[in-house]
């Protein structure tokens, strides 16, 4: 559900993040800029370790500590969203250029399938209105087995990753 971001959106995100850091007495270093640009070009959910390996594979030198220190800042600044998608692992996804969506997560292979539902948004609006509550966000996640794991049988999870090593939805 993430769309490819254009250069203007990326530059705006850089400016916003630079200002966010400045207000907290932190620096917008070249490493942080490189990390931010790499993340904004990612259209998939990612784990910190996957991000590190991907950057190293591309020959981009960003330290592991910088990644782990910067990800929470990007979440707090509203550029990233942290999601807990099965197997007790944290995933991150870019918030910019996304439509509100939820997730189905295969408990066997970890495949993540994004979906959006107007019915869920309508239910959220109704429930929050009834409670006099102002929603800022919500998380709705369905855990189960993807079609490939169901077809593979009860004891054999599918591979769940595409050729690039990223989690891929079942066909």
N, C-alpha and C. Protein backbone atom coordinates (compact mmCIF):
# COMPACT_ATOMS: atom_id res chain seq x y z
N UNK A 1 0.81 -1.19 0.00
CA UNK A 1 0.00 0.00 0.00
C UNK A 1 0.86 1.26 0.00
N UNK A 2 2.16 1.06 0.06
CA UNK A 2 3.06 2.19 0.00
C UNK A 2 3.32 2.51 -1.46
N UNK A 3 3.24 3.79 -1.79
CA UNK A 3 3.52 4.23 -3.15
C UNK A 3 4.95 4.74 -3.22
N UNK A 4 5.54 4.66 -4.40
CA UNK A 4 6.89 5.20 -4.59
C UNK A 4 6.83 6.71 -4.38
N UNK A 5 7.73 7.24 -3.57
CA UNK A 5 7.73 8.66 -3.25
C UNK A 5 8.52 9.44 -4.29
N UNK A 6 8.00 10.61 -4.64
CA UNK A 6 8.73 11.45 -5.59
C UNK A 6 9.80 12.25 -4.84
N UNK A 7 10.72 12.85 -5.60
CA UNK A 7 11.85 13.56 -5.01
C UNK A 7 11.39 14.71 -4.12
N UNK A 8 10.34 15.41 -4.50
CA UNK A 8 9.84 16.53 -3.70
C UNK A 8 9.38 16.05 -2.31
N UNK A 9 8.71 14.91 -2.27
CA UNK A 9 8.25 14.35 -0.99
C UNK A 9 9.44 13.93 -0.13
N UNK A 10 10.45 13.35 -0.78
CA UNK A 10 11.65 12.93 -0.05
C UNK A 10 12.38 14.14 0.52
N UNK A 11 12.53 15.19 -0.25
CA UNK A 11 13.20 16.41 0.23
C UNK A 11 12.40 17.02 1.37
N UNK A 12 11.08 17.03 1.26
CA UNK A 12 10.23 17.56 2.36
C UNK A 12 10.42 16.73 3.62
N UNK A 13 10.48 15.41 3.48
CA UNK A 13 10.71 14.54 4.63
C UNK A 13 12.07 14.82 5.26
N UNK A 14 13.08 15.04 4.43
CA UNK A 14 14.41 15.39 4.94
C UNK A 14 14.34 16.69 5.74
N UNK A 15 13.68 17.70 5.18
CA UNK A 15 13.56 18.99 5.87
C UNK A 15 12.82 18.84 7.19
N UNK A 16 11.72 18.08 7.16
CA UNK A 16 10.94 17.88 8.38
C UNK A 16 11.76 17.14 9.44
N UNK A 17 12.50 16.11 9.01
CA UNK A 17 13.31 15.34 9.96
C UNK A 17 14.47 16.18 10.50
N UNK A 18 15.07 16.97 9.62
CA UNK A 18 16.15 17.88 10.05
C UNK A 18 15.62 18.82 11.15
N UNK A 19 14.44 19.39 10.94
CA UNK A 19 13.85 20.30 11.92
C UNK A 19 13.49 19.56 13.21
N UNK A 20 12.94 18.36 13.08
CA UNK A 20 12.61 17.53 14.24
C UNK A 20 13.86 17.30 15.09
N UNK A 21 14.97 16.95 14.44
CA UNK A 21 16.22 16.70 15.17
C UNK A 21 16.76 17.99 15.80
N UNK A 22 16.72 19.08 15.05
CA UNK A 22 17.22 20.36 15.55
C UNK A 22 16.49 20.77 16.83
N UNK A 23 15.18 20.58 16.86
CA UNK A 23 14.38 20.94 18.03
C UNK A 23 14.76 20.11 19.25
N UNK A 24 15.38 18.97 19.03
CA UNK A 24 15.77 18.09 20.13
C UNK A 24 17.27 18.15 20.40
N UNK A 25 17.94 19.07 19.75
CA UNK A 25 19.38 19.24 19.96
C UNK A 25 20.20 18.13 19.33
N UNK A 26 19.66 17.48 18.29
CA UNK A 26 20.36 16.39 17.61
C UNK A 26 20.78 16.84 16.22
N UNK A 27 21.75 16.17 15.65
CA UNK A 27 22.28 16.55 14.35
C UNK A 27 21.70 15.70 13.22
N UNK A 28 21.52 16.34 12.09
CA UNK A 28 21.12 15.66 10.87
C UNK A 28 22.39 15.34 10.10
N UNK A 29 22.98 14.21 10.42
CA UNK A 29 24.28 13.84 9.86
C UNK A 29 24.12 13.25 8.46
N UNK A 30 25.23 13.15 7.76
CA UNK A 30 25.22 12.54 6.43
C UNK A 30 24.75 11.08 6.51
N UNK A 31 25.14 10.39 7.59
CA UNK A 31 24.70 9.00 7.78
C UNK A 31 23.19 8.93 7.95
N UNK A 32 22.62 9.84 8.74
CA UNK A 32 21.17 9.85 8.94
C UNK A 32 20.45 10.20 7.64
N UNK A 33 21.01 11.10 6.86
CA UNK A 33 20.40 11.47 5.58
C UNK A 33 20.39 10.26 4.65
N UNK A 34 21.52 9.56 4.55
CA UNK A 34 21.61 8.38 3.71
C UNK A 34 20.62 7.32 4.16
N UNK A 35 20.54 7.11 5.47
CA UNK A 35 19.60 6.14 6.02
C UNK A 35 18.16 6.53 5.69
N UNK A 36 17.81 7.78 5.91
CA UNK A 36 16.45 8.25 5.63
C UNK A 36 16.11 8.05 4.16
N UNK A 37 16.99 8.45 3.26
CA UNK A 37 16.73 8.30 1.82
C UNK A 37 16.56 6.83 1.45
N UNK A 38 17.37 5.96 2.01
CA UNK A 38 17.27 4.53 1.71
C UNK A 38 15.93 3.98 2.20
N UNK A 39 15.53 4.38 3.39
CA UNK A 39 14.26 3.92 3.95
C UNK A 39 13.09 4.42 3.11
N UNK A 40 13.13 5.68 2.71
CA UNK A 40 12.03 6.25 1.93
C UNK A 40 11.89 5.62 0.56
N UNK A 41 12.93 4.97 0.09
CA UNK A 41 12.85 4.26 -1.19
C UNK A 41 12.39 2.82 -1.02
N UNK A 42 12.24 2.40 0.24
CA UNK A 42 11.78 1.05 0.55
C UNK A 42 10.26 1.03 0.51
N UNK A 43 9.70 0.06 -0.17
CA UNK A 43 8.25 -0.03 -0.24
C UNK A 43 7.72 -1.22 0.55
N UNK A 44 8.58 -1.88 1.27
CA UNK A 44 8.17 -3.05 2.03
C UNK A 44 8.35 -2.81 3.52
N UNK A 45 7.75 -3.68 4.31
CA UNK A 45 8.03 -3.69 5.75
C UNK A 45 9.46 -4.17 5.90
N UNK A 46 10.13 -3.71 6.93
CA UNK A 46 11.51 -4.16 7.11
C UNK A 46 11.84 -4.23 8.59
N UNK A 47 12.79 -5.08 8.89
CA UNK A 47 13.35 -5.19 10.23
C UNK A 47 14.69 -4.46 10.21
N UNK A 48 15.14 -3.97 11.36
CA UNK A 48 16.43 -3.27 11.39
C UNK A 48 17.58 -4.08 10.80
N UNK A 49 17.65 -5.35 11.12
CA UNK A 49 18.75 -6.19 10.61
C UNK A 49 18.66 -6.35 9.10
N UNK A 50 17.44 -6.50 8.58
CA UNK A 50 17.27 -6.59 7.13
C UNK A 50 17.72 -5.30 6.45
N UNK A 51 17.40 -4.18 7.06
CA UNK A 51 17.81 -2.89 6.53
C UNK A 51 19.33 -2.79 6.50
N UNK A 52 19.97 -3.17 7.59
CA UNK A 52 21.43 -3.13 7.66
C UNK A 52 22.07 -3.99 6.57
N UNK A 53 21.57 -5.21 6.41
CA UNK A 53 22.12 -6.11 5.38
C UNK A 53 21.89 -5.55 3.98
N UNK A 54 20.72 -4.99 3.75
CA UNK A 54 20.41 -4.41 2.45
C UNK A 54 21.34 -3.24 2.13
N UNK A 55 21.57 -2.38 3.12
CA UNK A 55 22.48 -1.24 2.91
C UNK A 55 23.89 -1.71 2.64
N UNK A 56 24.35 -2.69 3.40
CA UNK A 56 25.71 -3.21 3.19
C UNK A 56 25.84 -3.86 1.82
N UNK A 57 24.79 -4.58 1.41
CA UNK A 57 24.79 -5.23 0.09
C UNK A 57 24.90 -4.20 -1.02
N UNK A 58 24.32 -3.02 -0.81
CA UNK A 58 24.38 -1.94 -1.80
C UNK A 58 25.65 -1.10 -1.66
N UNK A 59 26.49 -1.44 -0.68
CA UNK A 59 27.73 -0.70 -0.48
C UNK A 59 27.53 0.62 0.24
N UNK A 60 26.42 0.75 0.95
CA UNK A 60 26.12 1.98 1.68
C UNK A 60 26.59 1.81 3.12
N UNK A 61 27.46 2.69 3.56
CA UNK A 61 28.04 2.58 4.89
C UNK A 61 27.26 3.35 5.94
N UNK A 62 26.35 2.66 6.60
CA UNK A 62 25.62 3.22 7.74
C UNK A 62 25.80 2.24 8.88
N UNK A 63 26.24 2.73 10.03
CA UNK A 63 26.50 1.85 11.16
C UNK A 63 25.24 1.29 11.80
N UNK A 64 25.38 0.11 12.36
CA UNK A 64 24.28 -0.56 13.03
C UNK A 64 23.71 0.31 14.15
N UNK A 65 24.59 0.92 14.93
CA UNK A 65 24.14 1.78 16.03
C UNK A 65 23.33 2.97 15.52
N UNK A 66 23.75 3.53 14.39
CA UNK A 66 23.00 4.64 13.80
C UNK A 66 21.60 4.20 13.41
N UNK A 67 21.48 3.02 12.84
CA UNK A 67 20.17 2.51 12.46
C UNK A 67 19.29 2.36 13.70
N UNK A 68 19.81 1.70 14.72
CA UNK A 68 19.00 1.46 15.92
C UNK A 68 18.68 2.74 16.69
N UNK A 69 19.54 3.75 16.60
CA UNK A 69 19.24 5.04 17.26
C UNK A 69 18.29 5.90 16.43
N UNK A 70 18.35 5.76 15.11
CA UNK A 70 17.58 6.63 14.23
C UNK A 70 16.16 6.13 14.00
N UNK A 71 15.93 4.84 13.97
CA UNK A 71 14.59 4.32 13.71
C UNK A 71 13.55 4.87 14.69
N UNK A 72 13.79 4.87 16.01
CA UNK A 72 12.79 5.45 16.92
C UNK A 72 12.55 6.94 16.67
N UNK A 73 13.58 7.66 16.24
CA UNK A 73 13.43 9.08 15.93
C UNK A 73 12.53 9.26 14.70
N UNK A 74 12.70 8.39 13.73
CA UNK A 74 11.86 8.46 12.53
C UNK A 74 10.41 8.10 12.85
N UNK A 75 10.21 7.19 13.80
CA UNK A 75 8.85 6.87 14.25
C UNK A 75 8.25 8.07 14.97
N UNK A 76 8.99 8.62 15.93
CA UNK A 76 8.49 9.77 16.70
C UNK A 76 8.21 10.97 15.82
N UNK A 77 8.96 11.11 14.73
CA UNK A 77 8.76 12.26 13.84
C UNK A 77 7.59 12.06 12.88
N UNK A 78 7.04 10.84 12.84
CA UNK A 78 5.89 10.57 11.98
C UNK A 78 6.25 10.09 10.58
N UNK A 79 7.52 9.82 10.33
CA UNK A 79 7.93 9.36 9.00
C UNK A 79 7.77 7.85 8.87
N UNK A 80 8.04 7.12 9.96
CA UNK A 80 7.88 5.67 9.98
C UNK A 80 6.80 5.27 10.97
N UNK A 81 6.31 4.06 10.77
CA UNK A 81 5.39 3.44 11.72
C UNK A 81 6.03 2.11 12.13
N UNK A 82 5.99 1.83 13.41
CA UNK A 82 6.50 0.56 13.92
C UNK A 82 5.32 -0.38 14.06
N UNK A 83 5.47 -1.57 13.54
CA UNK A 83 4.40 -2.56 13.60
C UNK A 83 4.95 -3.84 14.21
N UNK A 84 4.14 -4.47 15.02
CA UNK A 84 4.51 -5.75 15.60
C UNK A 84 3.71 -6.80 14.84
N UNK A 85 4.39 -7.47 13.93
CA UNK A 85 3.70 -8.36 13.01
C UNK A 85 4.13 -9.80 13.22
N UNK A 86 3.64 -10.41 14.26
CA UNK A 86 3.89 -11.81 14.48
C UNK A 86 5.31 -12.11 14.92
N UNK A 87 5.49 -13.27 15.45
CA UNK A 87 6.79 -13.78 15.87
C UNK A 87 7.53 -12.82 16.79
N UNK A 88 6.81 -11.95 17.47
CA UNK A 88 7.38 -11.02 18.46
C UNK A 88 8.49 -10.15 17.87
N UNK A 89 8.40 -9.83 16.60
CA UNK A 89 9.42 -9.01 15.96
C UNK A 89 8.82 -7.68 15.55
N UNK A 90 9.64 -6.65 15.59
CA UNK A 90 9.22 -5.33 15.15
C UNK A 90 9.56 -5.14 13.69
N UNK A 91 8.62 -4.62 12.98
CA UNK A 91 8.82 -4.24 11.59
C UNK A 91 8.55 -2.75 11.49
N UNK A 92 9.10 -2.14 10.47
CA UNK A 92 8.88 -0.73 10.23
C UNK A 92 8.32 -0.57 8.83
N UNK A 93 7.53 0.48 8.65
CA UNK A 93 7.05 0.82 7.32
C UNK A 93 6.94 2.33 7.22
N UNK A 94 7.15 2.83 6.02
CA UNK A 94 7.08 4.26 5.77
C UNK A 94 5.62 4.69 5.84
N UNK A 95 5.35 5.80 6.53
CA UNK A 95 3.99 6.34 6.63
C UNK A 95 3.66 7.25 5.46
N UNK A 96 4.65 7.93 4.91
CA UNK A 96 4.42 8.88 3.83
C UNK A 96 3.98 8.13 2.57
N UNK A 97 2.98 8.66 1.90
CA UNK A 97 2.54 8.05 0.65
C UNK A 97 1.78 6.76 0.84
N UNK A 98 1.26 6.53 2.04
CA UNK A 98 0.50 5.31 2.28
C UNK A 98 -0.96 5.65 2.51
N UNK A 99 -1.80 4.71 2.19
CA UNK A 99 -3.21 4.83 2.55
C UNK A 99 -3.39 4.03 3.84
N UNK A 100 -4.36 4.40 4.67
CA UNK A 100 -4.58 3.62 5.90
C UNK A 100 -4.82 2.15 5.54
N UNK A 101 -4.12 1.29 6.23
CA UNK A 101 -4.26 -0.14 5.94
C UNK A 101 -3.97 -0.97 7.19
N UNK A 102 -4.31 -2.23 7.10
CA UNK A 102 -4.08 -3.18 8.17
C UNK A 102 -3.33 -4.38 7.60
N UNK A 103 -3.10 -5.38 8.43
CA UNK A 103 -2.23 -6.48 8.03
C UNK A 103 -2.81 -7.85 8.36
N UNK A 104 -2.50 -8.81 7.49
CA UNK A 104 -2.68 -10.23 7.78
C UNK A 104 -1.27 -10.80 7.83
N UNK A 105 -0.98 -11.59 8.86
CA UNK A 105 0.36 -12.13 9.05
C UNK A 105 0.29 -13.64 9.16
N UNK A 106 1.07 -14.31 8.32
CA UNK A 106 1.11 -15.76 8.38
C UNK A 106 1.96 -16.17 9.59
N UNK A 107 1.37 -16.97 10.46
CA UNK A 107 2.07 -17.39 11.67
C UNK A 107 3.10 -18.48 11.39
N UNK A 108 3.08 -19.06 10.20
CA UNK A 108 4.06 -20.09 9.86
C UNK A 108 5.30 -19.51 9.18
N UNK A 109 5.10 -18.67 8.16
CA UNK A 109 6.25 -18.20 7.39
C UNK A 109 6.53 -16.71 7.56
N UNK A 110 5.61 -15.97 8.14
CA UNK A 110 5.83 -14.54 8.37
C UNK A 110 5.40 -13.64 7.23
N UNK A 111 4.80 -14.19 6.18
CA UNK A 111 4.32 -13.36 5.08
C UNK A 111 3.36 -12.30 5.62
N UNK A 112 3.52 -11.07 5.12
CA UNK A 112 2.67 -9.95 5.53
C UNK A 112 1.84 -9.54 4.32
N UNK A 113 0.53 -9.52 4.49
CA UNK A 113 -0.38 -9.10 3.44
C UNK A 113 -1.10 -7.85 3.94
N UNK A 114 -0.95 -6.76 3.21
CA UNK A 114 -1.62 -5.52 3.57
C UNK A 114 -3.01 -5.49 2.93
N UNK A 115 -3.97 -4.88 3.63
CA UNK A 115 -5.29 -4.70 3.07
C UNK A 115 -5.89 -3.44 3.67
N UNK A 116 -6.82 -2.85 2.93
CA UNK A 116 -7.55 -1.72 3.49
C UNK A 116 -9.03 -2.05 3.41
N UNK A 117 -9.78 -1.52 4.35
CA UNK A 117 -11.19 -1.84 4.44
C UNK A 117 -11.96 -0.62 4.91
N UNK A 118 -12.87 -0.17 4.08
CA UNK A 118 -13.71 0.96 4.48
C UNK A 118 -14.59 0.57 5.65
N UNK A 119 -14.95 -0.72 5.75
CA UNK A 119 -15.78 -1.17 6.87
C UNK A 119 -15.06 -1.01 8.21
N UNK A 120 -13.76 -1.30 8.23
CA UNK A 120 -12.98 -1.13 9.46
C UNK A 120 -12.90 0.35 9.83
N UNK A 121 -12.68 1.20 8.84
CA UNK A 121 -12.62 2.64 9.12
C UNK A 121 -13.97 3.17 9.61
N UNK A 122 -15.06 2.68 9.03
CA UNK A 122 -16.39 3.10 9.48
C UNK A 122 -16.65 2.63 10.91
N UNK A 123 -16.25 1.40 11.23
CA UNK A 123 -16.40 0.88 12.59
C UNK A 123 -15.59 1.72 13.57
N UNK A 124 -14.35 2.06 13.19
CA UNK A 124 -13.52 2.92 14.04
C UNK A 124 -14.19 4.25 14.29
N UNK A 125 -14.73 4.85 13.25
CA UNK A 125 -15.41 6.15 13.40
C UNK A 125 -16.62 6.03 14.32
N UNK A 126 -17.41 4.96 14.14
CA UNK A 126 -18.60 4.78 14.98
C UNK A 126 -18.22 4.56 16.44
N UNK A 127 -17.26 3.67 16.68
CA UNK A 127 -16.86 3.36 18.06
C UNK A 127 -16.26 4.57 18.76
N UNK A 128 -15.42 5.32 18.06
CA UNK A 128 -14.80 6.48 18.70
C UNK A 128 -15.82 7.58 18.94
N UNK A 129 -16.77 7.76 18.02
CA UNK A 129 -17.82 8.77 18.21
C UNK A 129 -18.68 8.42 19.42
N UNK A 130 -19.04 7.15 19.55
CA UNK A 130 -19.87 6.71 20.68
C UNK A 130 -19.16 6.94 22.01
N UNK A 131 -17.83 6.81 22.02
CA UNK A 131 -17.07 6.95 23.26
C UNK A 131 -16.57 8.38 23.46
N UNK A 132 -16.83 9.26 22.48
CA UNK A 132 -16.31 10.62 22.58
C UNK A 132 -14.79 10.64 22.52
N UNK A 133 -14.24 9.75 21.75
CA UNK A 133 -12.79 9.54 21.68
C UNK A 133 -12.28 10.05 20.34
N UNK A 134 -11.12 10.67 20.33
CA UNK A 134 -10.50 11.11 19.08
C UNK A 134 -9.38 10.16 18.71
N UNK A 135 -9.59 9.40 17.66
CA UNK A 135 -8.59 8.41 17.22
C UNK A 135 -7.46 9.08 16.47
N UNK A 136 -6.25 8.66 16.78
CA UNK A 136 -5.08 9.11 16.03
C UNK A 136 -4.62 8.03 15.06
N UNK A 137 -4.84 6.79 15.44
CA UNK A 137 -4.48 5.66 14.59
C UNK A 137 -5.15 4.42 15.16
N UNK A 138 -4.98 3.33 14.46
CA UNK A 138 -5.44 2.05 14.99
C UNK A 138 -4.57 0.95 14.40
N UNK A 139 -4.63 -0.22 15.03
CA UNK A 139 -3.95 -1.40 14.52
C UNK A 139 -4.96 -2.53 14.48
N UNK A 140 -5.06 -3.15 13.34
CA UNK A 140 -5.92 -4.31 13.19
C UNK A 140 -5.09 -5.34 12.46
N UNK A 141 -4.96 -6.50 13.04
CA UNK A 141 -4.10 -7.53 12.46
C UNK A 141 -4.80 -8.87 12.55
N UNK A 142 -4.74 -9.60 11.48
CA UNK A 142 -5.30 -10.94 11.44
C UNK A 142 -4.13 -11.91 11.35
N UNK A 143 -4.06 -12.84 12.30
CA UNK A 143 -3.00 -13.85 12.30
C UNK A 143 -3.60 -15.16 11.80
N UNK A 144 -2.84 -15.88 11.00
CA UNK A 144 -3.31 -17.16 10.48
C UNK A 144 -2.30 -17.73 9.51
N UNK A 145 -2.78 -18.53 8.58
CA UNK A 145 -1.91 -19.18 7.61
C UNK A 145 -2.20 -18.65 6.21
N UNK A 146 -1.13 -18.29 5.50
CA UNK A 146 -1.29 -17.85 4.11
C UNK A 146 -1.68 -19.06 3.26
N UNK A 147 -2.09 -18.78 2.03
CA UNK A 147 -2.55 -19.87 1.16
C UNK A 147 -1.44 -20.87 0.84
N UNK A 148 -0.18 -20.39 0.72
CA UNK A 148 0.92 -21.31 0.43
C UNK A 148 1.20 -22.24 1.61
N UNK A 149 1.16 -21.72 2.84
CA UNK A 149 1.40 -22.57 4.00
C UNK A 149 0.25 -23.55 4.20
N UNK A 150 -0.97 -23.10 3.94
CA UNK A 150 -2.11 -24.02 4.04
C UNK A 150 -1.95 -25.14 3.02
N UNK A 151 -1.52 -24.81 1.81
CA UNK A 151 -1.34 -25.83 0.76
C UNK A 151 -0.17 -26.75 1.08
N UNK A 152 0.86 -26.23 1.77
CA UNK A 152 2.05 -27.03 2.10
C UNK A 152 1.75 -28.07 3.16
N UNK A 153 0.69 -27.89 3.91
CA UNK A 153 0.35 -28.85 4.94
C UNK A 153 0.62 -28.30 6.32
N UNK A 154 0.12 -28.99 7.33
CA UNK A 154 0.17 -28.45 8.69
C UNK A 154 1.56 -28.34 9.30
N UNK A 155 2.53 -29.12 8.83
CA UNK A 155 3.83 -29.09 9.49
C UNK A 155 4.94 -28.49 8.62
N UNK A 156 4.61 -28.02 7.42
CA UNK A 156 5.64 -27.51 6.52
C UNK A 156 5.30 -26.10 6.08
N UNK A 157 5.91 -25.08 6.70
CA UNK A 157 5.63 -23.72 6.23
C UNK A 157 6.25 -23.48 4.87
N UNK A 158 5.59 -22.62 4.09
CA UNK A 158 6.17 -22.24 2.80
C UNK A 158 7.40 -21.38 3.05
N UNK A 159 8.11 -21.06 2.01
CA UNK A 159 9.32 -20.26 2.15
C UNK A 159 8.99 -18.83 2.58
N UNK A 160 7.92 -18.24 2.06
CA UNK A 160 7.46 -16.93 2.50
C UNK A 160 8.30 -15.75 2.07
N UNK A 161 9.36 -15.96 1.37
CA UNK A 161 10.20 -14.85 0.93
C UNK A 161 10.35 -14.94 -0.59
N UNK A 162 10.43 -13.77 -1.21
CA UNK A 162 10.65 -13.76 -2.65
C UNK A 162 12.15 -13.79 -2.94
N UNK A 163 12.52 -13.67 -4.19
CA UNK A 163 13.93 -13.79 -4.59
C UNK A 163 14.82 -12.72 -3.97
N UNK A 164 14.24 -11.56 -3.61
CA UNK A 164 15.06 -10.49 -3.03
C UNK A 164 15.29 -10.70 -1.54
N UNK A 165 14.63 -11.71 -0.95
CA UNK A 165 14.77 -11.96 0.48
C UNK A 165 13.74 -11.23 1.32
N UNK A 166 12.82 -10.52 0.67
CA UNK A 166 11.78 -9.81 1.41
C UNK A 166 10.58 -10.72 1.58
N UNK A 167 9.80 -10.45 2.62
CA UNK A 167 8.56 -11.18 2.80
C UNK A 167 7.66 -10.86 1.63
N UNK A 168 7.03 -11.86 1.09
CA UNK A 168 6.17 -11.62 -0.06
C UNK A 168 4.80 -12.23 0.20
N UNK A 169 3.74 -11.57 -0.26
CA UNK A 169 2.42 -12.14 -0.09
C UNK A 169 2.26 -13.40 -0.93
N UNK A 170 1.37 -14.25 -0.49
CA UNK A 170 1.10 -15.46 -1.25
C UNK A 170 0.40 -15.11 -2.54
N UNK A 171 0.67 -15.86 -3.60
CA UNK A 171 0.00 -15.58 -4.88
C UNK A 171 -1.46 -15.96 -4.83
